[in-house]
Every structure is written in structure tokens, then in C-alpha cells.
Amino acid sequence: MRDYLTEKFGATVSLQEGTGGIFDVFIDQELRFSISKTGYFPTEEHLNELGV
């Protein structure tokens, strides 16, 4: 996931360990994807739609 985001968007990506299966994607400190809100893990298609 980190490599994909870095290659696709030239983003600086860091992974932070969480608890309870939380997976959130923030771009410029704005929440763009949350597994707790959607109920599923993002695919590359979902990541492409984040509007970076």
C-alpha cells in the first residue's frame, strides 16, 4: 500500500500502527478514506479516486 501510494502520487507515506483494525488514509491532514466508515479495505481503484 505504501509503495503504491508513493509511486502513484509521489506522496510521502508513513504507516502508523493502530488498534481494532482501523485503517485511515489522510491526505494533507484531511481524512480521505476510513475503513471504519466504509466497512472495507480500499483497493487500488478506491485509492485512485481519492483525488490527489
Protein backbone atom coordinates (compact mmCIF):
# COMPACT_ATOMS: atom_id res chain seq x y z
CA MET A 1 0.00 0.00 0.00
CA ARG A 2 2.73 2.46 0.97
CA ASP A 3 4.73 1.72 -2.19
CA TYR A 4 1.64 2.10 -4.38
CA LEU A 5 0.76 5.50 -2.93
CA THR A 6 4.34 6.69 -3.18
CA GLU A 7 4.68 5.61 -6.81
CA LYS A 8 1.21 6.68 -7.97
CA PHE A 9 1.02 10.08 -6.29
CA GLY A 10 4.59 10.89 -5.32
CA ALA A 11 3.31 11.02 -1.77
CA THR A 12 5.30 10.80 1.40
CA VAL A 13 3.64 7.91 3.19
CA SER A 14 4.04 6.73 6.74
CA LEU A 15 2.27 3.85 8.37
CA GLN A 16 1.12 4.14 11.93
CA GLU A 17 0.13 1.15 13.97
CA GLY A 18 -3.38 1.30 15.31
CA THR A 19 -5.78 -1.00 17.11
CA GLY A 20 -9.07 -2.63 16.30
CA GLY A 21 -8.48 -2.94 12.54
CA ILE A 22 -8.58 0.80 11.91
CA PHE A 23 -7.26 1.86 8.52
CA ASP A 24 -7.50 5.54 7.63
CA VAL A 25 -5.94 7.43 4.74
CA PHE A 26 -5.16 11.09 5.36
CA ILE A 27 -4.00 13.45 2.62
CA ASP A 28 -2.74 16.84 3.73
CA GLN A 29 -4.18 16.10 7.17
CA GLU A 30 -7.66 15.51 5.69
CA LEU A 31 -9.33 12.12 6.18
CA ARG A 32 -9.97 10.71 2.70
CA PHE A 33 -10.71 7.06 3.46
CA SER A 34 -11.73 5.22 6.62
CA ILE A 35 -12.31 1.51 6.88
CA SER A 36 -14.47 2.15 9.97
CA LYS A 37 -16.79 4.33 7.86
CA THR A 38 -16.86 2.20 4.70
CA GLY A 39 -16.60 -1.26 6.21
CA TYR A 40 -13.99 -2.44 3.70
CA PHE A 41 -10.29 -2.20 2.95
CA PRO A 42 -9.52 0.08 -0.02
CA THR A 43 -8.48 -1.34 -3.37
CA GLU A 44 -6.16 0.46 -5.79
CA GLU A 45 -9.32 1.71 -7.55
CA HIS A 46 -10.55 3.31 -4.33
CA LEU A 47 -7.16 4.91 -3.78
CA ASN A 48 -7.20 6.31 -7.32
CA GLU A 49 -10.50 8.03 -6.52
CA LEU A 50 -9.11 9.91 -3.51
CA GLY A 51 -8.48 12.94 -5.66
CA VAL A 52 -4.83 13.51 -5.00
